[in-house]
Amino acid sequence: FSPNSLGLYDMSGNVYEWTCSEYQNRYDSSEKRCADQAVRYSPRGGSWSSRPRWVRAADRFSYDFSCLPVHRGSYLLGFRLARDN
């Protein structure tokens, strides 16, 4: 695919992106801040197995990261590396 308006490639899909934001049932923009400690975090962006309507940055859900030692091999969750020039 072509890059987006920021020159970045493939920023949606592939895997849900881990975030440091605590999940809120009703979005109240508090997810723009990292939580020091939370039980339920908010992965975003859709994965390779998502329906097209879910493959967008605004798509989010609640995930209990306390089970990560068990699920660390998940093929649906990942992270994106970024470099600041």
C-alpha atoms as a PDB file:
ATOM      1  CA  PHE A   1       0.000   0.000   0.000  1.00  0.00           C
ATOM      2  CA  SER A   2       0.994   3.613  -0.393  1.00  0.00           C
ATOM      3  CA  PRO A   3       2.088   5.611   2.669  1.00  0.00           C
ATOM      4  CA  ASN A   4      -0.427   7.750   4.555  1.00  0.00           C
ATOM      5  CA  SER A   5      -0.282  11.555   4.698  1.00  0.00           C
ATOM      6  CA  LEU A   6       2.519  11.346   7.299  1.00  0.00           C
ATOM      7  CA  GLY A   7       4.619   9.068   5.102  1.00  0.00           C
ATOM      8  CA  LEU A   8       3.961   6.004   7.292  1.00  0.00           C
ATOM      9  CA  TYR A   9       3.204   2.571   5.859  1.00  0.00           C
ATOM     10  CA  ASP A  10       0.752  -0.083   7.074  1.00  0.00           C
ATOM     11  CA  MET A  11      -0.359   1.594  10.292  1.00  0.00           C
ATOM     12  CA  SER A  12      -3.685  -0.248  10.482  1.00  0.00           C
ATOM     13  CA  GLY A  13      -4.356  -3.936  10.703  1.00  0.00           C
ATOM     14  CA  ASN A  14      -1.779  -6.717  11.127  1.00  0.00           C
ATOM     15  CA  VAL A  15      -2.094  -6.818  14.939  1.00  0.00           C
ATOM     16  CA  TYR A  16      -3.999  -4.879  17.581  1.00  0.00           C
ATOM     17  CA  GLU A  17      -1.614  -2.294  18.975  1.00  0.00           C
ATOM     18  CA  TRP A  18      -0.906  -2.410  22.702  1.00  0.00           C
ATOM     19  CA  THR A  19      -1.444   0.940  24.352  1.00  0.00           C
ATOM     20  CA  CYS A  20      -0.647   2.259  27.804  1.00  0.00           C
ATOM     21  CA  SER A  21      -4.166   3.687  28.142  1.00  0.00           C
ATOM     22  CA  GLU A  22      -6.609   2.414  30.723  1.00  0.00           C
ATOM     23  CA  TYR A  23      -9.878   1.310  29.128  1.00  0.00           C
ATOM     24  CA  GLN A  24     -13.011   3.329  29.913  1.00  0.00           C
ATOM     25  CA  ASN A  25     -16.465   1.973  28.971  1.00  0.00           C
ATOM     26  CA  ARG A  26     -17.463   5.365  27.628  1.00  0.00           C
ATOM     27  CA  TYR A  27     -14.700   7.140  25.757  1.00  0.00           C
ATOM     28  CA  ASP A  28     -13.938  10.347  27.655  1.00  0.00           C
ATOM     29  CA  SER A  29     -10.532  11.223  26.111  1.00  0.00           C
ATOM     30  CA  SER A  30      -8.702  10.015  29.251  1.00  0.00           C
ATOM     31  CA  GLU A  31      -7.257   7.290  27.005  1.00  0.00           C
ATOM     32  CA  LYS A  32      -4.980   9.941  25.540  1.00  0.00           C
ATOM     33  CA  ARG A  33      -2.881   9.626  28.721  1.00  0.00           C
ATOM     34  CA  CYS A  34      -0.800   6.642  29.819  1.00  0.00           C
ATOM     35  CA  ALA A  35      -1.940   4.900  32.979  1.00  0.00           C
ATOM     36  CA  ASP A  36       0.718   4.177  35.605  1.00  0.00           C
ATOM     37  CA  GLN A  37      -1.153   1.049  36.626  1.00  0.00           C
ATOM     38  CA  ALA A  38      -4.361  -0.495  35.334  1.00  0.00           C
ATOM     39  CA  VAL A  39      -5.977  -3.891  35.000  1.00  0.00           C
ATOM     40  CA  ARG A  40      -7.857  -3.248  31.765  1.00  0.00           C
ATOM     41  CA  TYR A  41      -6.041  -1.535  28.922  1.00  0.00           C
ATOM     42  CA  SER A  42      -7.247  -0.487  25.494  1.00  0.00           C
ATOM     43  CA  PRO A  43      -5.682  -2.196  22.453  1.00  0.00           C
ATOM     44  CA  ARG A  44      -6.443  -0.390  19.183  1.00  0.00           C
ATOM     45  CA  GLY A  45      -6.394  -0.677  15.437  1.00  0.00           C
ATOM     46  CA  GLY A  46      -7.681  -4.101  14.429  1.00  0.00           C
ATOM     47  CA  SER A  47      -5.710  -7.188  13.470  1.00  0.00           C
ATOM     48  CA  TRP A  48      -5.297  -9.375  10.417  1.00  0.00           C
ATOM     49  CA  SER A  49      -8.433 -11.283  11.452  1.00  0.00           C
ATOM     50  CA  SER A  50     -10.606  -8.180  11.970  1.00  0.00           C
ATOM     51  CA  ARG A  51     -13.493  -7.147   9.797  1.00  0.00           C
ATOM     52  CA  PRO A  52     -12.685  -4.077   7.665  1.00  0.00           C
ATOM     53  CA  ARG A  53     -14.818  -1.745   9.801  1.00  0.00           C
ATOM     54  CA  TRP A  54     -12.634  -2.575  12.832  1.00  0.00           C
ATOM     55  CA  VAL A  55      -9.305  -1.856  11.119  1.00  0.00           C
ATOM     56  CA  ARG A  56      -9.043   1.778  12.175  1.00  0.00           C
ATOM     57  CA  ALA A  57      -7.223   3.628  14.947  1.00  0.00           C
ATOM     58  CA  ALA A  58     -10.488   4.540  16.685  1.00  0.00           C
ATOM     59  CA  ASP A  59     -11.435   0.886  17.161  1.00  0.00           C
ATOM     60  CA  ARG A  60     -10.676  -0.176  20.735  1.00  0.00           C
ATOM     61  CA  PHE A  61     -11.713  -2.788  23.249  1.00  0.00           C
ATOM     62  CA  SER A  62     -11.025  -3.780  26.836  1.00  0.00           C
ATOM     63  CA  TYR A  63      -8.228  -6.269  27.461  1.00  0.00           C
ATOM     64  CA  ASP A  64      -7.019  -7.658  30.769  1.00  0.00           C
ATOM     65  CA  PHE A  65      -3.236  -7.421  30.474  1.00  0.00           C
ATOM     66  CA  SER A  66      -2.745  -9.235  33.778  1.00  0.00           C
ATOM     67  CA  CYS A  67      -2.999 -12.442  31.722  1.00  0.00           C
ATOM     68  CA  LEU A  68      -0.118 -11.424  29.414  1.00  0.00           C
ATOM     69  CA  PRO A  69       2.300 -14.023  30.806  1.00  0.00           C
ATOM     70  CA  VAL A  70      -0.194 -16.578  29.517  1.00  0.00           C
ATOM     71  CA  HIS A  71      -1.034 -14.761  26.269  1.00  0.00           C
ATOM     72  CA  ARG A  72       2.304 -13.218  25.385  1.00  0.00           C
ATOM     73  CA  GLY A  73       2.426 -15.424  22.306  1.00  0.00           C
ATOM     74  CA  SER A  74      -0.838 -13.969  21.028  1.00  0.00           C
ATOM     75  CA  TYR A  75      -0.955 -13.582  17.269  1.00  0.00           C
ATOM     76  CA  LEU A  76      -3.514 -10.767  17.583  1.00  0.00           C
ATOM     77  CA  LEU A  77      -1.593  -8.329  19.855  1.00  0.00           C
ATOM     78  CA  GLY A  78       1.613  -6.494  19.084  1.00  0.00           C
ATOM     79  CA  PHE A  79       3.251  -3.094  19.085  1.00  0.00           C
ATOM     80  CA  ARG A  80       4.678  -0.690  16.540  1.00  0.00           C
ATOM     81  CA  LEU A  81       8.204   0.616  16.583  1.00  0.00           C
ATOM     82  CA  ALA A  82       8.615   4.306  15.943  1.00  0.00           C
ATOM     83  CA  ARG A  83      11.649   6.434  15.342  1.00  0.00           C
ATOM     84  CA  ASP A  84      11.832  10.164  15.935  1.00  0.00           C
ATOM     85  CA  ASN A  85      14.208  11.906  13.576  1.00  0.00           C
END
